[in-house]
C-alpha atoms as a PDB file:
ATOM      1  CA  MET A   1      36.915   9.735 -87.465  1.00  0.00           C
ATOM      2  CA  ASN A   2      37.445   7.910 -90.845  1.00  0.00           C
ATOM      3  CA  SER A   3      41.306   7.918 -90.259  1.00  0.00           C
ATOM      4  CA  PHE A   4      41.006   5.939 -87.347  1.00  0.00           C
ATOM      5  CA  TYR A   5      39.488   2.932 -89.374  1.00  0.00           C
ATOM      6  CA  PRO A   6      42.600   1.240 -90.063  1.00  0.00           C
ATOM      7  CA  TYR A   7      43.773   1.093 -86.614  1.00  0.00           C
ATOM      8  CA  LEU A   8      40.714  -0.274 -85.080  1.00  0.00           C
ATOM      9  CA  ARG A   9      40.546  -3.517 -83.735  1.00  0.00           C
ATOM     10  CA  GLU A  10      37.458  -5.438 -82.363  1.00  0.00           C
ATOM     11  CA  ALA A  11      37.857  -5.387 -78.464  1.00  0.00           C
ATOM     12  CA  PHE A  12      35.797  -8.111 -77.634  1.00  0.00           C
ATOM     13  CA  PRO A  13      35.689 -10.880 -80.485  1.00  0.00           C
ATOM     14  CA  ASN A  14      32.235 -12.185 -81.213  1.00  0.00           C
ATOM     15  CA  VAL A  15      32.996 -15.949 -80.501  1.00  0.00           C
ATOM     16  CA  MET A  16      31.012 -19.204 -81.186  1.00  0.00           C
ATOM     17  CA  MET A  17      30.958 -21.637 -78.282  1.00  0.00           C
ATOM     18  CA  THR A  18      29.858 -25.277 -79.062  1.00  0.00           C
ATOM     19  CA  SER A  19      26.781 -25.988 -76.640  1.00  0.00           C
ATOM     20  CA  GLU A  20      29.161 -28.564 -74.989  1.00  0.00           C
ATOM     21  CA  GLU A  21      31.947 -25.593 -74.194  1.00  0.00           C
ATOM     22  CA  ASN A  22      28.863 -23.162 -73.301  1.00  0.00           C
ATOM     23  CA  ASP A  23      27.618 -26.169 -71.003  1.00  0.00           C
ATOM     24  CA  GLU A  24      30.839 -26.436 -69.100  1.00  0.00           C
ATOM     25  CA  ILE A  25      31.847 -22.838 -69.159  1.00  0.00           C
ATOM     26  CA  ASN A  26      28.130 -21.867 -67.335  1.00  0.00           C
ATOM     27  CA  SER A  27      28.708 -24.930 -64.401  1.00  0.00           C
ATOM     28  CA  ILE A  28      32.038 -23.366 -64.118  1.00  0.00           C
ATOM     29  CA  GLN A  29      30.956 -20.160 -63.660  1.00  0.00           C
ATOM     30  CA  THR A  30      27.703 -21.261 -61.250  1.00  0.00           C
ATOM     31  CA  ASP A  31      30.141 -22.102 -58.434  1.00  0.00           C
ATOM     32  CA  LEU A  32      33.160 -19.610 -59.430  1.00  0.00           C
ATOM     33  CA  GLU A  33      31.461 -15.966 -59.624  1.00  0.00           C
ATOM     34  CA  PRO A  34      29.888 -16.039 -56.392  1.00  0.00           C
ATOM     35  CA  TYR A  35      33.284 -17.218 -54.747  1.00  0.00           C
ATOM     36  CA  VAL A  36      35.326 -14.683 -56.654  1.00  0.00           C
ATOM     37  CA  LYS A  37      32.211 -11.826 -55.607  1.00  0.00           C
ATOM     38  CA  GLN A  38      32.239 -13.198 -52.122  1.00  0.00           C
ATOM     39  CA  MET A  39      36.064 -13.388 -51.555  1.00  0.00           C
ATOM     40  CA  GLU A  40      36.455  -9.830 -53.331  1.00  0.00           C
ATOM     41  CA  SER A  41      34.094  -7.977 -51.015  1.00  0.00           C
ATOM     42  CA  ARG A  42      36.005  -9.888 -47.979  1.00  0.00           C
ATOM     43  CA  PHE A  43      39.495  -8.351 -49.236  1.00  0.00           C
ATOM     44  CA  MET A  44      38.292  -5.186 -49.788  1.00  0.00           C
ATOM     45  CA  SER A  45      36.346  -4.850 -46.652  1.00  0.00           C
ATOM     46  CA  GLY A  46      39.419  -5.965 -44.925  1.00  0.00           C
ATOM     47  CA  GLU A  47      37.488  -8.890 -43.201  1.00  0.00           C
ATOM     48  CA  GLU A  48      40.118 -11.316 -45.439  1.00  0.00           C
ATOM     49  CA  SER A  49      43.791 -10.263 -45.112  1.00  0.00           C
ATOM     50  CA  PHE A  50      45.445 -10.093 -48.414  1.00  0.00           C
ATOM     51  CA  ASP A  51      47.829 -12.364 -46.564  1.00  0.00           C
ATOM     52  CA  ASN A  52      45.186 -15.232 -47.847  1.00  0.00           C
ATOM     53  CA  PHE A  53      45.454 -14.302 -51.427  1.00  0.00           C
ATOM     54  CA  ALA A  54      47.209 -17.530 -52.208  1.00  0.00           C
ATOM     55  CA  ALA A  55      44.042 -19.576 -50.546  1.00  0.00           C
ATOM     56  CA  PHE A  56      42.143 -17.537 -52.848  1.00  0.00           C
ATOM     57  CA  VAL A  57      43.775 -18.499 -55.486  1.00  0.00           C
ATOM     58  CA  GLN A  58      43.796 -22.273 -54.782  1.00  0.00           C
ATOM     59  CA  GLY A  59      39.483 -21.759 -54.150  1.00  0.00           C
ATOM     60  CA  CYS A  60      39.664 -20.564 -57.550  1.00  0.00           C
ATOM     61  CA  LYS A  61      41.544 -23.276 -58.842  1.00  0.00           C
ATOM     62  CA  ASP A  62      39.376 -25.731 -56.651  1.00  0.00           C
ATOM     63  CA  ARG A  63      36.252 -24.453 -58.773  1.00  0.00           C
ATOM     64  CA  ARG A  64      37.759 -25.194 -61.965  1.00  0.00           C
ATOM     65  CA  SER A  65      39.051 -22.073 -62.903  1.00  0.00           C
ATOM     66  CA  GLU A  66      41.951 -23.164 -64.904  1.00  0.00           C
ATOM     67  CA  ARG A  67      39.470 -25.046 -67.197  1.00  0.00           C
ATOM     68  CA  LEU A  68      37.356 -22.080 -67.750  1.00  0.00           C
ATOM     69  CA  THR A  69      40.515 -20.413 -69.014  1.00  0.00           C
ATOM     70  CA  GLU A  70      41.767 -23.446 -70.991  1.00  0.00           C
ATOM     71  CA  ILE A  71      38.227 -23.466 -72.668  1.00  0.00           C
ATOM     72  CA  LEU A  72      38.077 -19.784 -73.559  1.00  0.00           C
ATOM     73  CA  GLN A  73      41.403 -20.016 -74.975  1.00  0.00           C
ATOM     74  CA  GLN A  74      40.252 -22.453 -77.288  1.00  0.00           C
ATOM     75  CA  VAL A  75      37.364 -20.673 -78.488  1.00  0.00           C
ATOM     76  CA  TYR A  76      39.426 -17.529 -78.881  1.00  0.00           C
ATOM     77  CA  ASP A  77      42.205 -19.544 -80.916  1.00  0.00           C
ATOM     78  CA  ARG A  78      39.766 -20.970 -83.113  1.00  0.00           C
ATOM     79  CA  TRP A  79      38.110 -17.580 -83.820  1.00  0.00           C
ATOM     80  CA  LEU A  80      41.567 -16.300 -84.552  1.00  0.00           C
ATOM     81  CA  THR A  81      42.089 -19.296 -87.074  1.00  0.00           C
ATOM     82  CA  ASN A  82      38.669 -18.161 -88.839  1.00  0.00           C
ATOM     83  CA  ASN A  83      39.559 -14.620 -88.818  1.00  0.00           C
END
């Protein structure tokens, strides 16, 4: 097992978010996660057609998914700078 150590990388870095970032992430996820879970279920059950996938993506954007990605990217970039 020791021969693998030089190749091991942290899969999910232990990142620290500011309280403002954390608050905004929680706010976004409160709206976004239930929507994604509901729509995932509807797509999988056939209740929602995959022809409506673009509307689903827009629904995610309306719930600030792009802002969530932006915050998480900033946190990750900060982690990369410090490691």
